Amino acid sequence: MLQSIEIKNFRSCQDVRLRLGDPVIALLGKNGAGKTNVLHAIQTAADLCVGNLETSLNLYPRDPQKPTGFVLEFVLGTSLIVYRIDRSGISSSQDIFRETLEKNNSILYLRIGESATALDSDLPDNIRIGSQSSTLPLLLQILPLDHKLVVELYPIASYLRAIRYYPLLQGFQEHFTGPQSRNNLGEAEGSMSPYIEAGYYKTWKSKLAEGTARRSVQMRLLHLSLTDKDKFDELKDLLGSNGLGLIDDIRVDEVRSVTRIHATKPDEISDTVYSIKFMPGKGLAGAGNLYRFNGLSAGTWRILQLLTYLIFDTNSCMLLEQPEDSIHPGLLAKVIDILRTYSGRTQLICTTHSPRVMNLVGPAGIRLVTAEEGLTKVSELSSQDQQAAKGYLEDHGTLAEFLETL
């Protein structure tokens, strides 16, 4: 579980220390206070350690003349892991790159500039690393699988790679065939098809193994139905009559196409395509009928996204933007309960404006995000305020109302 993060010179965060350490955390603040920047900072720190090149080129320092810095602490098993990095956001002749990874106060590796030292290994004292490369993935690449340092580093890398940011943007055209472009919101655009070609799925599956697959709900549903029935049934149970009562069935059919649908490559042309359809829960509009994904309501689609990512991706931490959007308050309580149930496996850190989410998270999980003179500040309720908030909630007030009294 993530315990804390220190953020320096990143977007609106000039000097922020945020205690995490709870299974479910809600970042509360006005629009523009910097809540999303905090989520991006957590994702960026994790990506820098495991070698996401795109992230390393987009640090967005508040002051371009100073390095961006992060200190990320997390508990893995019974061990406390601390990752520290200071890195220039803009390439120059005076690049700064300092990086350390510690486990229980013992340094696993130390890097300064392009020179790294891996302690307790049989490697040379100074390993040369390119300015755009990260230390951890390089060590995993050059050391034997049974090396004692690899045994230490591999679970750390797996944990950090499983920290993922989910904006949960609306928009149903997530499965395309043919050329794609980007609109001004960064969403993909192209010709939409209600079917998934076998060749297209095969390509996506190979990219999934490489860790480069597009984040697609439909592909995840298809993959679960074909390769992991237990997880597929688990997801359907959460959505169905035993859970949210939102979707009674998810039906994946393999069909034969009379005319071949667009293929991205000539060798992917196939008559075999898959169709995914959804049956709304009893008592809901359209109950008993099957609909394709673009026939689902905005709230249903958002919940389907969230729970598919939860079950399929098995994250160590999910960074979520406003899970309450488009969801009825009564149903929202059930969704948060599901997320809390999985919080032993997947920590949840979200932004919110919802009094209902605040109440469900509770005083201990609230982090207050404010902006002062353009700089983001983060604080938490004191022990005294938490006790007062619990009493306020017991008297049937809301946490949002209590926070207004502070």
Protein backbone atom coordinates (compact mmCIF):
# COMPACT_ATOMS: atom_id res chain seq x y z
CA MET A 1 0.00 0.00 0.00
CA LEU A 2 1.21 3.50 -0.81
CA GLN A 3 2.19 5.29 2.40
CA SER A 4 3.18 8.77 1.27
CA ILE A 5 4.48 10.90 -1.56
CA GLU A 6 6.59 14.06 -1.60
CA ILE A 7 6.25 16.21 -4.70
CA LYS A 8 8.60 19.04 -5.66
CA ASN A 9 8.39 21.34 -8.69
CA PHE A 10 5.73 19.35 -10.54
CA ARG A 11 2.91 21.29 -12.19
CA SER A 12 1.13 23.25 -9.43
CA CYS A 13 2.87 21.23 -6.67
CA GLN A 14 5.92 23.20 -5.61
CA ASP A 15 6.44 21.43 -2.29
CA VAL A 16 3.76 18.93 -1.26
CA ARG A 17 3.89 16.03 1.17
CA LEU A 18 0.84 13.80 1.17
CA ARG A 19 0.29 11.00 3.65
CA LEU A 20 -1.55 8.10 2.04
CA GLY A 21 -1.56 4.87 4.05
CA ASP A 22 -5.34 4.25 3.96
CA PRO A 23 -7.13 1.72 1.72
CA VAL A 24 -9.52 4.36 0.32
CA ILE A 25 -8.54 8.03 0.03
CA ALA A 26 -10.54 10.94 -1.40
CA LEU A 27 -8.91 14.17 -2.52
CA LEU A 28 -11.38 16.98 -1.87
CA GLY A 29 -11.05 20.50 -3.22
CA LYS A 30 -12.38 23.11 -5.61
CA ASN A 31 -11.96 22.86 -9.35
CA GLY A 32 -8.44 23.92 -10.28
CA ALA A 33 -6.98 23.33 -6.81
CA GLY A 34 -4.63 20.64 -8.13
CA LYS A 35 -6.32 17.33 -7.23
CA THR A 36 -5.61 15.82 -10.65
CA ASN A 37 -2.01 17.03 -10.48
CA VAL A 38 -1.57 15.02 -7.27
CA LEU A 39 -2.88 11.88 -9.00
CA HIS A 40 -0.55 12.53 -11.95
CA ALA A 41 2.37 12.97 -9.55
CA ILE A 42 1.78 9.52 -8.02
CA GLN A 43 1.54 7.95 -11.48
CA THR A 44 4.61 9.85 -12.71
CA ALA A 45 6.78 8.80 -9.76
CA ALA A 46 5.89 5.14 -10.32
CA ASP A 47 6.44 5.41 -14.09
CA LEU A 48 9.86 7.03 -13.69
CA CYS A 49 11.05 4.15 -11.54
CA VAL A 50 9.93 1.43 -13.95
CA GLY A 51 11.10 3.25 -17.07
CA ASN A 52 8.16 4.86 -18.85
CA LEU A 53 10.02 6.96 -21.45
CA GLU A 54 6.97 9.08 -22.34
CA THR A 55 6.58 10.08 -18.70
CA SER A 56 10.25 11.02 -18.37
CA LEU A 57 9.90 13.45 -21.27
CA ASN A 58 6.82 15.18 -19.79
CA LEU A 59 7.66 16.19 -16.24
CA TYR A 60 6.09 19.67 -16.52
CA PRO A 61 8.30 21.38 -13.91
CA ARG A 62 6.79 24.48 -12.36
CA ASP A 63 10.22 26.11 -12.57
CA PRO A 64 12.06 24.83 -15.70
CA GLN A 65 15.40 25.79 -14.17
CA LYS A 66 14.97 23.36 -11.26
CA PRO A 67 14.61 19.56 -11.18
CA THR A 68 11.35 17.78 -10.47
CA GLY A 69 11.51 15.54 -7.42
CA PHE A 70 9.47 12.74 -5.89
CA VAL A 71 9.79 10.56 -2.82
CA LEU A 72 7.37 7.63 -2.98
CA GLU A 73 6.96 5.34 0.04
CA PHE A 74 5.01 2.10 0.00
CA VAL A 75 4.73 -1.13 1.96
CA LEU A 76 5.28 -4.38 0.12
CA GLY A 77 4.62 -7.40 2.31
CA THR A 78 6.35 -6.45 5.54
CA SER A 79 8.97 -4.20 3.91
CA LEU A 80 9.02 -0.43 3.56
CA ILE A 81 10.18 0.65 0.10
CA VAL A 82 11.32 4.22 -0.58
CA TYR A 83 11.96 5.51 -4.10
CA ARG A 84 13.64 8.91 -4.49
CA ILE A 85 14.28 10.77 -7.71
CA ASP A 86 15.35 14.29 -8.72
CA ARG A 87 15.34 14.81 -12.43
CA SER A 88 15.55 17.72 -14.88
CA GLY A 89 12.40 18.17 -16.90
CA ILE A 90 14.16 19.77 -19.84
CA SER A 91 17.28 18.35 -21.48
CA SER A 92 20.29 20.61 -21.11
CA SER A 93 24.02 20.46 -20.61
CA GLN A 94 23.38 20.52 -16.85
CA ASP A 95 20.91 17.66 -16.55
CA ILE A 96 20.19 16.50 -13.02
CA PHE A 97 19.42 12.84 -12.42
CA ARG A 98 19.65 11.47 -8.88
CA GLU A 99 17.84 8.26 -8.01
CA THR A 100 17.82 5.81 -5.10
CA LEU A 101 15.73 2.80 -4.18
CA GLU A 102 15.71 1.62 -0.57
CA LYS A 103 14.25 -1.36 1.20
CA ASN A 104 13.97 -1.22 5.00
CA ASN A 105 16.55 1.60 5.11
CA SER A 106 19.06 -0.37 2.99
CA ILE A 107 19.96 1.05 -0.43
CA LEU A 108 19.35 -1.36 -3.30
CA TYR A 109 20.80 0.97 -5.91
CA LEU A 110 22.08 4.53 -6.18
CA ARG A 111 22.34 6.63 -9.32
CA ILE A 112 23.92 10.00 -10.04
CA GLY A 113 23.76 11.24 -13.61
CA GLU A 114 24.61 8.38 -15.98
CA SER A 115 26.45 6.38 -13.33
CA ALA A 116 24.67 3.84 -11.12
CA THR A 117 25.82 1.54 -8.35
CA ALA A 118 23.90 -1.59 -7.45
CA LEU A 119 24.83 -2.62 -3.94
CA ASP A 120 25.31 -6.25 -2.95
CA SER A 121 25.72 -7.34 -6.56
CA ASP A 122 28.62 -8.63 -8.63
CA LEU A 123 28.26 -5.77 -11.13
CA PRO A 124 30.93 -3.08 -11.62
CA ASP A 125 30.80 -0.21 -9.16
CA ASN A 126 29.71 2.28 -11.81
CA ILE A 127 27.18 1.08 -14.39
CA ARG A 128 26.72 3.47 -17.33
CA ILE A 129 23.09 4.31 -18.09
CA GLY A 130 21.72 6.60 -20.79
CA SER A 131 20.17 9.88 -19.69
CA GLN A 132 16.68 8.80 -20.78
CA SER A 133 16.88 5.34 -19.23
CA SER A 134 15.77 4.24 -15.77
CA THR A 135 17.87 2.12 -13.46
CA LEU A 136 15.46 -0.52 -12.26
CA PRO A 137 14.42 -1.96 -15.67
CA LEU A 138 18.05 -1.98 -16.81
CA LEU A 139 19.13 -4.00 -13.78
CA LEU A 140 16.31 -6.47 -14.37
CA GLN A 141 17.48 -6.80 -17.97
CA ILE A 142 21.20 -7.37 -17.38
CA LEU A 143 21.11 -9.50 -14.21
CA PRO A 144 20.31 -13.24 -14.18
CA LEU A 145 16.78 -14.11 -13.10
CA ASP A 146 18.01 -15.88 -9.98
CA HIS A 147 20.29 -13.02 -8.90
CA LYS A 148 19.54 -11.89 -5.32
CA LEU A 149 19.04 -8.28 -6.43
CA VAL A 150 16.52 -9.33 -9.08
CA VAL A 151 14.63 -11.24 -6.37
CA GLU A 152 14.41 -7.93 -4.48
CA LEU A 153 13.62 -5.72 -7.47
CA TYR A 154 11.08 -7.79 -9.40
CA PRO A 155 8.16 -7.49 -6.92
CA ILE A 156 8.89 -3.77 -6.54
CA ALA A 157 8.68 -3.29 -10.30
CA SER A 158 5.48 -5.35 -10.49
CA TYR A 159 3.87 -3.26 -7.75
CA LEU A 160 4.76 0.06 -9.37
CA ARG A 161 3.63 -1.04 -12.83
CA ALA A 162 0.25 -1.87 -11.30
CA ILE A 163 -0.36 1.74 -10.21
CA ARG A 164 -2.70 3.11 -12.87
CA TYR A 165 -4.52 6.37 -13.48
CA TYR A 166 -8.08 6.15 -14.83
CA PRO A 167 -9.78 9.34 -15.99
CA LEU A 168 -12.87 7.24 -16.87
CA LEU A 169 -13.73 9.63 -19.68
CA GLN A 170 -17.13 9.24 -21.24
CA GLY A 171 -17.42 8.35 -24.88
CA PHE A 172 -18.57 5.09 -26.31
CA GLN A 173 -16.43 4.94 -29.44
CA GLU A 174 -13.61 3.04 -27.80
CA HIS A 175 -13.34 0.24 -30.34
CA PHE A 176 -12.29 1.32 -33.80
CA THR A 177 -11.31 -0.30 -37.05
CA GLY A 178 -9.26 1.62 -39.54
CA PRO A 179 -7.13 4.78 -39.29
CA GLN A 180 -7.40 6.76 -36.08
CA SER A 181 -6.75 10.38 -35.21
CA ARG A 182 -7.02 12.47 -32.07
CA ASN A 183 -9.54 15.20 -31.37
CA ASN A 184 -8.86 18.22 -29.18
CA LEU A 185 -9.81 16.26 -26.06
CA GLY A 186 -7.21 13.60 -26.77
CA GLU A 187 -9.84 10.98 -27.56
CA ALA A 188 -9.32 8.59 -30.44
CA GLU A 189 -11.50 9.06 -33.49
CA GLY A 190 -12.15 6.71 -36.35
CA SER A 191 -14.75 4.44 -37.91
CA MET A 192 -16.70 2.54 -35.27
CA SER A 193 -17.78 -1.08 -35.53
CA PRO A 194 -20.01 -3.08 -33.18
CA TYR A 195 -17.84 -6.13 -33.84
CA ILE A 196 -14.31 -7.15 -32.90
CA GLU A 197 -12.39 -9.06 -35.56
CA ALA A 198 -10.46 -12.15 -34.49
CA GLY A 199 -7.27 -10.75 -36.06
CA TYR A 200 -7.69 -7.42 -34.30
CA TYR A 201 -8.16 -9.20 -30.97
CA LYS A 202 -5.08 -11.34 -31.63
CA THR A 203 -2.99 -8.21 -32.19
CA TRP A 204 -4.35 -6.61 -29.02
CA LYS A 205 -3.61 -9.78 -27.02
CA SER A 206 0.02 -9.77 -28.13
CA LYS A 207 0.34 -6.13 -27.12
CA LEU A 208 -1.23 -6.97 -23.76
CA ALA A 209 1.59 -9.43 -23.12
CA GLU A 210 4.07 -6.65 -23.96
CA GLY A 211 2.30 -4.17 -21.69
CA THR A 212 1.40 -1.84 -24.58
CA ALA A 213 -2.24 -2.80 -25.23
CA ARG A 214 -4.79 -0.03 -25.64
CA ARG A 215 -7.02 0.41 -22.59
CA SER A 216 -10.25 -1.01 -24.00
CA VAL A 217 -13.19 -2.26 -21.95
CA GLN A 218 -14.52 -4.33 -24.85
CA MET A 219 -11.20 -6.07 -25.44
CA ARG A 220 -10.92 -6.81 -21.74
CA LEU A 221 -14.41 -8.31 -21.67
CA LEU A 222 -13.67 -10.43 -24.73
CA HIS A 223 -10.34 -11.58 -23.29
CA LEU A 224 -11.89 -12.54 -19.96
CA SER A 225 -14.69 -14.47 -21.65
CA LEU A 226 -12.18 -16.46 -23.73
CA THR A 227 -9.35 -16.97 -21.24
CA ASP A 228 -10.55 -16.49 -17.64
CA LYS A 229 -14.12 -17.61 -17.01
CA ASP A 230 -13.78 -17.25 -13.23
CA LYS A 231 -12.95 -13.55 -13.46
CA PHE A 232 -15.57 -13.04 -16.15
CA ASP A 233 -18.19 -14.59 -13.87
CA GLU A 234 -16.90 -12.54 -10.94
CA LEU A 235 -17.44 -9.35 -12.93
CA LYS A 236 -20.92 -10.45 -14.03
CA ASP A 237 -21.83 -11.24 -10.42
CA LEU A 238 -20.80 -7.73 -9.32
CA LEU A 239 -22.93 -6.18 -12.06
CA GLY A 240 -25.83 -8.65 -11.87
CA SER A 241 -28.73 -9.41 -9.54
CA ASN A 242 -26.41 -10.56 -6.73
CA GLY A 243 -24.55 -7.26 -6.87
CA LEU A 244 -25.55 -3.92 -8.36
CA GLY A 245 -28.52 -5.23 -10.35
CA LEU A 246 -27.34 -3.15 -13.29
CA ILE A 247 -26.51 -5.70 -16.01
CA ASP A 248 -28.08 -9.15 -15.85
CA ASP A 249 -25.91 -10.67 -18.55
CA ILE A 250 -22.88 -9.97 -20.74
CA ARG A 251 -23.04 -12.12 -23.83
CA VAL A 252 -20.02 -12.68 -26.03
CA ASP A 253 -20.78 -14.46 -29.30
CA GLU A 254 -18.50 -15.64 -32.07
CA VAL A 255 -20.18 -15.01 -35.41
CA ARG A 256 -19.37 -15.41 -39.09
CA SER A 257 -19.38 -12.27 -41.15
CA VAL A 258 -20.88 -12.39 -44.67
CA THR A 259 -18.84 -9.37 -45.75
CA ARG A 260 -15.44 -8.89 -44.25
CA ILE A 261 -15.17 -5.98 -41.86
CA HIS A 262 -12.28 -3.57 -42.04
CA ALA A 263 -8.96 -5.12 -41.07
CA THR A 264 -6.01 -3.10 -39.84
CA LYS A 265 -3.59 -5.30 -41.80
CA PRO A 266 -4.11 -7.58 -44.82
CA ASP A 267 -3.07 -10.68 -42.88
CA GLU A 268 -5.68 -9.93 -40.21
CA ILE A 269 -8.63 -10.29 -42.61
CA SER A 270 -10.93 -12.91 -41.15
CA ASP A 271 -14.56 -13.96 -41.42
CA THR A 272 -14.61 -14.61 -37.68
CA VAL A 273 -15.77 -11.71 -35.51
CA TYR A 274 -16.96 -11.34 -31.92
CA SER A 275 -20.04 -9.52 -30.73
CA ILE A 276 -20.53 -8.27 -27.14
CA LYS A 277 -24.02 -7.47 -25.90
CA PHE A 278 -25.47 -6.45 -22.55
CA MET A 279 -28.82 -7.18 -20.91
CA PRO A 280 -30.04 -4.49 -18.47
CA GLY A 281 -31.06 -5.60 -14.99
CA LYS A 282 -34.62 -6.39 -14.02
CA GLY A 283 -36.75 -3.31 -13.54
CA LEU A 284 -34.48 -1.16 -15.69
CA ALA A 285 -35.31 0.26 -19.10
CA GLY A 286 -34.74 -2.39 -21.76
CA ALA A 287 -34.71 -5.29 -19.29
CA GLY A 288 -34.82 -8.65 -21.09
CA ASN A 289 -33.32 -7.24 -24.29
CA LEU A 290 -29.72 -7.24 -25.48
CA TYR A 291 -27.85 -4.05 -26.38
CA ARG A 292 -24.43 -3.25 -27.75
CA PHE A 293 -22.08 -1.07 -25.70
CA ASN A 294 -23.25 2.17 -27.32
CA GLY A 295 -26.79 1.40 -26.16
CA LEU A 296 -25.83 1.65 -22.48
CA SER A 297 -26.55 4.71 -20.37
CA ALA A 298 -23.70 7.00 -19.30
CA GLY A 299 -23.87 5.83 -15.68
CA THR A 300 -24.00 2.15 -16.60
CA TRP A 301 -21.05 2.54 -18.96
CA ARG A 302 -19.01 4.34 -16.29
CA ILE A 303 -19.63 1.58 -13.73
CA LEU A 304 -18.87 -1.08 -16.35
CA GLN A 305 -15.55 0.66 -17.08
CA LEU A 306 -14.62 0.95 -13.43
CA LEU A 307 -15.41 -2.64 -12.45
CA THR A 308 -13.85 -4.11 -15.62
CA TYR A 309 -10.60 -2.32 -14.85
CA LEU A 310 -10.84 -3.39 -11.20
CA ILE A 311 -11.25 -7.09 -12.02
CA PHE A 312 -9.09 -7.35 -15.14
CA ASP A 313 -6.14 -5.11 -14.31
CA THR A 314 -5.63 -6.29 -10.68
CA ASN A 315 -3.96 -2.99 -9.82
CA SER A 316 -1.96 -2.32 -6.71
CA CYS A 317 -3.47 1.18 -6.73
CA MET A 318 -6.22 2.81 -8.82
CA LEU A 319 -6.09 6.58 -9.29
CA LEU A 320 -9.62 7.66 -10.18
CA GLU A 321 -11.23 10.90 -11.27
CA GLN A 322 -14.60 11.56 -9.60
CA PRO A 323 -16.12 8.07 -9.47
CA GLU A 324 -19.50 9.65 -8.67
CA ASP A 325 -20.01 11.19 -12.12
CA SER A 326 -23.24 10.04 -13.86
CA ILE A 327 -24.03 7.57 -11.04
CA HIS A 328 -27.18 7.70 -8.90
CA PRO A 329 -26.35 8.36 -5.20
CA GLY A 330 -27.99 5.13 -4.05
CA LEU A 331 -26.06 3.07 -6.58
CA LEU A 332 -22.89 5.01 -5.81
CA ALA A 333 -22.92 3.71 -2.23
CA LYS A 334 -22.93 0.14 -3.54
CA VAL A 335 -20.09 0.89 -5.97
CA ILE A 336 -17.95 2.37 -3.19
CA ASP A 337 -18.70 -0.67 -1.03
CA ILE A 338 -17.41 -2.92 -3.83
CA LEU A 339 -14.25 -0.84 -4.14
CA ARG A 340 -13.77 -1.01 -0.37
CA THR A 341 -14.18 -4.79 -0.49
CA TYR A 342 -11.28 -4.99 -2.96
CA SER A 343 -9.16 -2.38 -1.14
CA GLY A 344 -7.02 -5.03 0.53
CA ARG A 345 -5.73 -5.86 -2.94
CA THR A 346 -6.23 -2.54 -4.73
CA GLN A 347 -5.78 0.78 -2.94
CA LEU A 348 -8.14 3.49 -4.20
CA ILE A 349 -7.18 7.16 -4.41
CA CYS A 350 -9.83 9.35 -6.01
CA THR A 351 -10.82 12.95 -6.53
CA THR A 352 -14.36 13.89 -5.59
CA HIS A 353 -16.91 16.66 -5.15
CA SER A 354 -19.58 14.31 -3.79
CA PRO A 355 -20.79 14.56 -0.16
CA ARG A 356 -21.88 10.93 -0.50
CA VAL A 357 -18.34 9.80 -1.39
CA MET A 358 -16.95 11.86 1.50
CA ASN A 359 -19.28 10.13 3.95
CA LEU A 360 -18.49 6.69 2.55
CA VAL A 361 -14.74 7.28 2.72
CA GLY A 362 -14.91 8.75 6.23
CA PRO A 363 -12.87 11.45 7.98
CA ALA A 364 -9.61 9.44 8.13
CA GLY A 365 -9.53 9.04 4.34
CA ILE A 366 -10.18 12.68 3.42
CA ARG A 367 -7.34 14.83 2.10
CA LEU A 368 -8.07 18.53 1.62
CA VAL A 369 -6.56 20.09 -1.50
CA THR A 370 -6.35 23.89 -1.73
CA ALA A 371 -4.58 26.42 -3.94
CA GLU A 372 -2.74 29.41 -2.48
CA GLU A 373 -1.18 31.89 -4.87
CA GLY A 374 -1.24 29.27 -7.61
CA LEU A 375 0.41 26.55 -5.51
CA THR A 376 -1.28 23.32 -4.47
CA LYS A 377 -1.43 22.48 -0.77
CA VAL A 378 -2.64 19.19 0.71
CA SER A 379 -3.68 18.57 4.32
CA GLU A 380 -5.64 16.03 6.33
CA LEU A 381 -7.99 16.33 9.26
CA SER A 382 -6.30 16.35 12.63
CA SER A 383 -7.11 13.58 15.12
CA GLN A 384 -9.32 16.05 16.99
CA ASP A 385 -11.15 17.05 13.80
CA GLN A 386 -11.63 13.38 12.86
CA GLN A 387 -13.27 12.64 16.21
CA ALA A 388 -15.47 15.71 15.87
CA ALA A 389 -16.42 14.66 12.33
CA LYS A 390 -17.41 11.16 13.49
CA GLY A 391 -19.70 12.72 16.11
CA TYR A 392 -21.17 15.02 13.49
CA LEU A 393 -21.91 12.09 11.18
CA GLU A 394 -23.56 10.17 14.01
CA ASP A 395 -25.95 13.10 14.42
CA HIS A 396 -27.00 12.63 10.78
CA GLY A 397 -25.00 15.51 9.35
CA THR A 398 -22.80 15.06 6.31
CA LEU A 399 -19.04 15.22 6.24
CA ALA A 400 -19.28 17.97 3.64
CA GLU A 401 -21.35 20.06 6.05
CA PHE A 402 -18.84 19.42 8.83
CA LEU A 403 -15.92 20.51 6.65
CA GLU A 404 -17.69 23.81 6.02
CA THR A 405 -17.50 24.51 9.77
CA LEU A 406 -13.69 24.27 9.87
